[in-house]
């Protein structure tokens, strides 16, 4: 049974989520404030997935996410936000979130997102590392370095980079990326989300993001990681 952590202060939403998630076979623990979240996350065994509301009485889910990532944890994090704004979405992704849902959302969609995140988190890794020029991806440690310097990547940025480098010099279509990184064929992903991730990732791996040498956009098709010298 997968253990889920829910940070939410709306009692009616908590009741509904606990009922549905429990019926779907998950064990759910709830925190209603950031302070309570710190206590549960510090004292309990590791959770399999975190569901974080953005706005809490004593802080934000962003701060919880940032602290979790600072510990080195790669636990999947799904934000529940009432703010359907790109700035809020970008902040959530940049601080280490893997996905987000805008309230109000369908419970079936939530369960599908959770299944997709848990499935990706449980995928076995057979390789130890991926290398491309000065870029090295440590698959066992879920970390990446460029010229020996650590790259501060969100969970989704890390997975995108792995997919592209593993398929170096080949075009990976947008549809293929959405299918690999989200549930189904990207049915629950906003059209701009992938572009946001790519723009942020390019800013971290390219010397001049406006003139990329490795992470290329192939207009009308998708993206390509170009090996140095190719």
Protein backbone atom coordinates (compact mmCIF):
# COMPACT_ATOMS: atom_id res chain seq x y z
CA UNK A 1 0.00 0.00 0.00
CA UNK A 2 1.46 3.34 -1.06
CA UNK A 3 1.63 5.99 1.65
CA UNK A 4 0.53 9.48 0.60
CA UNK A 5 1.07 12.72 2.48
CA UNK A 6 -1.59 15.42 2.08
CA UNK A 7 -0.98 19.04 3.10
CA UNK A 8 -4.34 20.82 2.94
CA UNK A 9 -6.36 23.09 5.25
CA UNK A 10 -9.82 22.79 3.65
CA UNK A 11 -11.69 20.26 5.80
CA UNK A 12 -14.34 19.49 3.18
CA UNK A 13 -11.67 18.80 0.56
CA UNK A 14 -9.66 16.73 3.03
CA UNK A 15 -12.66 14.53 3.76
CA UNK A 16 -13.34 13.94 0.08
CA UNK A 17 -9.72 13.24 -0.78
CA UNK A 18 -9.21 10.87 2.14
CA UNK A 19 -12.32 8.91 1.20
CA UNK A 20 -11.46 8.59 -2.49
CA UNK A 21 -7.76 7.89 -2.00
CA UNK A 22 -8.44 5.29 0.68
CA UNK A 23 -11.01 3.61 -1.58
CA UNK A 24 -8.29 3.48 -4.26
CA UNK A 25 -5.96 1.58 -1.95
CA UNK A 26 -3.76 4.37 -0.59
CA UNK A 27 -2.84 5.12 3.00
CA UNK A 28 -3.24 8.87 3.60
CA UNK A 29 -1.80 11.05 6.36
CA UNK A 30 -2.91 14.68 6.59
CA UNK A 31 -1.29 17.90 7.79
CA UNK A 32 -3.36 21.07 7.97
CA UNK A 33 -0.49 23.53 8.35
CA UNK A 34 3.14 23.93 7.36
CA UNK A 35 4.21 23.50 10.99
CA UNK A 36 2.35 20.20 11.24
CA UNK A 37 3.83 19.12 7.92
CA UNK A 38 7.37 19.59 9.25
CA UNK A 39 6.58 17.37 12.22
CA UNK A 40 5.03 14.56 10.20
CA UNK A 41 7.69 14.60 7.50
CA UNK A 42 10.46 14.51 10.09
CA UNK A 43 9.00 11.81 12.33
CA UNK A 44 7.30 9.37 9.96
CA UNK A 45 8.92 6.84 7.60
CA UNK A 46 9.30 8.17 4.02
CA UNK A 47 6.10 8.73 2.05
CA UNK A 48 5.64 7.51 -1.52
CA UNK A 49 4.09 10.77 -2.76
CA UNK A 50 3.34 14.26 -1.42
CA UNK A 51 0.19 16.23 -2.25
CA UNK A 52 0.80 19.86 -1.31
CA UNK A 53 -1.68 22.71 -1.24
CA UNK A 54 -0.02 26.00 -2.15
CA UNK A 55 -1.59 28.42 0.34
CA UNK A 56 -1.68 27.46 4.02
CA UNK A 57 -2.44 29.54 7.14
CA UNK A 58 1.24 29.63 8.18
CA UNK A 59 3.11 29.42 4.88
CA UNK A 60 3.10 27.76 1.48
CA UNK A 61 3.49 24.33 -0.01
CA UNK A 62 6.41 25.75 -2.00
CA UNK A 63 8.51 26.07 1.16
CA UNK A 64 7.73 22.48 2.14
CA UNK A 65 8.72 21.26 -1.33
CA UNK A 66 11.98 23.22 -1.26
CA UNK A 67 12.94 21.80 2.13
CA UNK A 68 12.14 18.24 1.03
CA UNK A 69 14.32 18.65 -2.05
CA UNK A 70 17.17 20.11 0.03
CA UNK A 71 17.30 16.81 1.92
CA UNK A 72 18.00 15.02 -1.35
CA UNK A 73 14.62 13.30 -1.49
CA UNK A 74 13.23 12.53 -4.95
CA UNK A 75 9.74 11.66 -3.67
CA UNK A 76 7.09 12.65 -6.27
CA UNK A 77 5.39 15.96 -5.39
CA UNK A 78 2.04 17.05 -6.80
CA UNK A 79 0.84 20.61 -6.11
CA UNK A 80 -2.84 21.43 -5.57
CA UNK A 81 -3.32 25.07 -6.47
CA UNK A 82 -6.25 27.44 -6.82
CA UNK A 83 -4.16 29.88 -8.85
CA UNK A 84 -4.35 29.09 -12.55
CA UNK A 85 -1.47 31.40 -13.40
CA UNK A 86 1.76 30.58 -15.20
CA UNK A 87 3.85 32.28 -12.51
CA UNK A 88 2.41 30.00 -9.83
CA UNK A 89 2.86 26.94 -12.01
CA UNK A 90 6.46 27.85 -12.84
CA UNK A 91 7.30 28.49 -9.21
CA UNK A 92 5.94 25.11 -8.22
CA UNK A 93 7.92 23.34 -10.92
CA UNK A 94 11.08 25.31 -10.23
CA UNK A 95 11.09 24.55 -6.52
CA UNK A 96 11.03 20.82 -7.21
CA UNK A 97 7.42 19.88 -7.92
CA UNK A 98 6.69 17.16 -10.45
CA UNK A 99 3.16 18.10 -11.45
CA UNK A 100 0.22 20.30 -10.46
CA UNK A 101 -3.57 20.30 -10.49
CA UNK A 102 -5.71 23.42 -10.48
CA UNK A 103 -8.73 23.44 -8.18
CA UNK A 104 -11.45 22.46 -8.70
CA UNK A 105 -10.28 19.18 -10.21
CA UNK A 106 -11.90 15.84 -10.94
CA UNK A 107 -11.00 13.13 -8.45
CA UNK A 108 -10.50 10.66 -11.28
CA UNK A 109 -7.93 12.97 -12.80
CA UNK A 110 -6.14 13.26 -9.45
CA UNK A 111 -5.95 9.48 -9.09
CA UNK A 112 -4.62 9.15 -12.63
CA UNK A 113 -1.89 11.71 -11.95
CA UNK A 114 -0.95 9.92 -8.73
CA UNK A 115 -0.72 6.56 -10.49
CA UNK A 116 1.47 8.08 -13.21
CA UNK A 117 3.84 9.70 -10.70
CA UNK A 118 4.13 6.53 -8.62
CA UNK A 119 4.70 4.44 -11.73
CA UNK A 120 7.53 6.68 -12.90
CA UNK A 121 9.08 6.79 -9.45
CA UNK A 122 9.15 3.00 -9.35
CA UNK A 123 10.73 2.44 -12.76
CA UNK A 124 13.93 0.39 -12.42
CA UNK A 125 17.18 2.00 -13.51
CA UNK A 126 19.58 -0.44 -15.15
CA UNK A 127 22.26 2.07 -16.12
CA UNK A 128 24.45 3.82 -13.59
CA UNK A 129 25.17 6.97 -15.57
CA UNK A 130 24.54 8.84 -18.82
CA UNK A 131 27.29 11.05 -20.23
CA UNK A 132 27.33 13.62 -23.02
CA UNK A 133 30.40 15.80 -23.24
CA UNK A 134 30.72 17.75 -19.97
CA UNK A 135 27.26 16.59 -18.86
CA UNK A 136 27.05 13.57 -16.54
CA UNK A 137 23.81 12.14 -15.17
CA UNK A 138 24.15 9.90 -12.13
CA UNK A 139 21.14 7.59 -12.50
CA UNK A 140 21.66 5.90 -9.16
CA UNK A 141 21.84 9.20 -7.27
CA UNK A 142 19.30 11.01 -9.49
CA UNK A 143 21.74 13.89 -9.93
CA UNK A 144 23.35 15.67 -12.86
CA UNK A 145 26.54 17.69 -13.21
CA UNK A 146 27.81 20.00 -15.93
CA UNK A 147 31.57 20.55 -16.07
CA UNK A 148 31.69 18.97 -12.62
CA UNK A 149 29.23 21.45 -11.13
CA UNK A 150 25.86 20.19 -9.79
CA UNK A 151 22.77 21.12 -11.78
CA UNK A 152 19.82 22.23 -9.68
CA UNK A 153 17.06 20.36 -11.48
CA UNK A 154 13.46 19.73 -10.54
CA UNK A 155 12.24 16.15 -10.70
CA UNK A 156 10.56 16.68 -14.06
CA UNK A 157 13.55 18.53 -15.53
CA UNK A 158 15.77 15.64 -14.47
CA UNK A 159 13.51 13.09 -16.18
CA UNK A 160 13.29 15.19 -19.34
CA UNK A 161 17.07 15.49 -19.48
CA UNK A 162 17.45 11.72 -19.04
CA UNK A 163 15.04 10.99 -21.89
CA UNK A 164 16.71 13.44 -24.26
CA UNK A 165 20.30 12.42 -23.48
CA UNK A 166 19.40 8.73 -23.72
CA UNK A 167 18.07 9.50 -27.21
CA UNK A 168 20.94 11.82 -28.14
CA UNK A 169 20.98 13.06 -31.77
CA UNK A 170 17.49 11.69 -32.33
CA UNK A 171 14.34 13.79 -32.44
CA UNK A 172 11.96 13.04 -29.58
CA UNK A 173 8.48 14.20 -30.49
CA UNK A 174 6.38 16.27 -28.11
CA UNK A 175 3.81 13.50 -28.11
CA UNK A 176 6.42 10.91 -27.14
CA UNK A 177 7.68 13.10 -24.30
CA UNK A 178 4.19 13.66 -22.96
CA UNK A 179 3.47 9.97 -23.17
CA UNK A 180 6.66 9.06 -21.30
CA UNK A 181 6.46 11.77 -18.66
CA UNK A 182 2.77 12.07 -17.99
CA UNK A 183 -0.23 9.78 -17.90
CA UNK A 184 -1.56 8.31 -21.13
CA UNK A 185 -0.90 10.59 -24.07
CA UNK A 186 -0.60 13.78 -22.09
CA UNK A 187 -4.35 14.02 -21.63
CA UNK A 188 -4.02 15.97 -18.39
CA UNK A 189 -1.21 18.33 -19.35
CA UNK A 190 -1.66 21.95 -20.34
CA UNK A 191 -0.23 22.69 -23.79
CA UNK A 192 2.31 25.14 -22.40
CA UNK A 193 3.64 22.95 -19.58
CA UNK A 194 6.19 21.05 -21.66
CA UNK A 195 7.43 24.29 -23.22
CA UNK A 196 7.85 25.80 -19.75
CA UNK A 197 9.92 22.83 -18.61
CA UNK A 198 12.09 22.95 -21.72
CA UNK A 199 12.71 26.68 -21.42
CA UNK A 200 13.76 26.27 -17.79
CA UNK A 201 15.92 23.24 -18.54
CA UNK A 202 17.64 25.03 -21.42
CA UNK A 203 18.48 27.89 -19.07
CA UNK A 204 20.33 25.43 -16.83
CA UNK A 205 22.28 23.38 -19.37
CA UNK A 206 23.14 25.89 -22.10
CA UNK A 207 25.82 28.58 -21.95
CA UNK A 208 23.58 30.84 -24.04
CA UNK A 209 19.96 29.68 -23.78
CA UNK A 210 18.96 32.02 -26.61
CA UNK A 211 21.39 30.16 -28.92
CA UNK A 212 21.26 26.56 -27.69
CA UNK A 213 23.92 24.13 -28.85
CA UNK A 214 22.59 20.92 -27.28
CA UNK A 215 18.92 21.15 -26.27
CA UNK A 216 17.37 21.98 -29.62
CA UNK A 217 13.77 22.64 -30.60
CA UNK A 218 12.87 20.94 -33.86
CA UNK A 219 9.92 23.01 -34.98
CA UNK A 220 6.87 21.00 -35.87
CA UNK A 221 8.32 17.80 -34.39
CA UNK A 222 9.75 18.04 -30.89
CA UNK A 223 13.16 18.25 -29.26
CA UNK A 224 16.66 16.87 -29.71
CA UNK A 225 19.74 16.56 -27.52
CA UNK A 226 22.68 17.16 -29.83
CA UNK A 227 25.99 15.60 -28.82
CA UNK A 228 29.05 17.87 -28.89
CA UNK A 229 30.82 17.61 -32.22
CA UNK A 230 27.86 16.03 -34.01
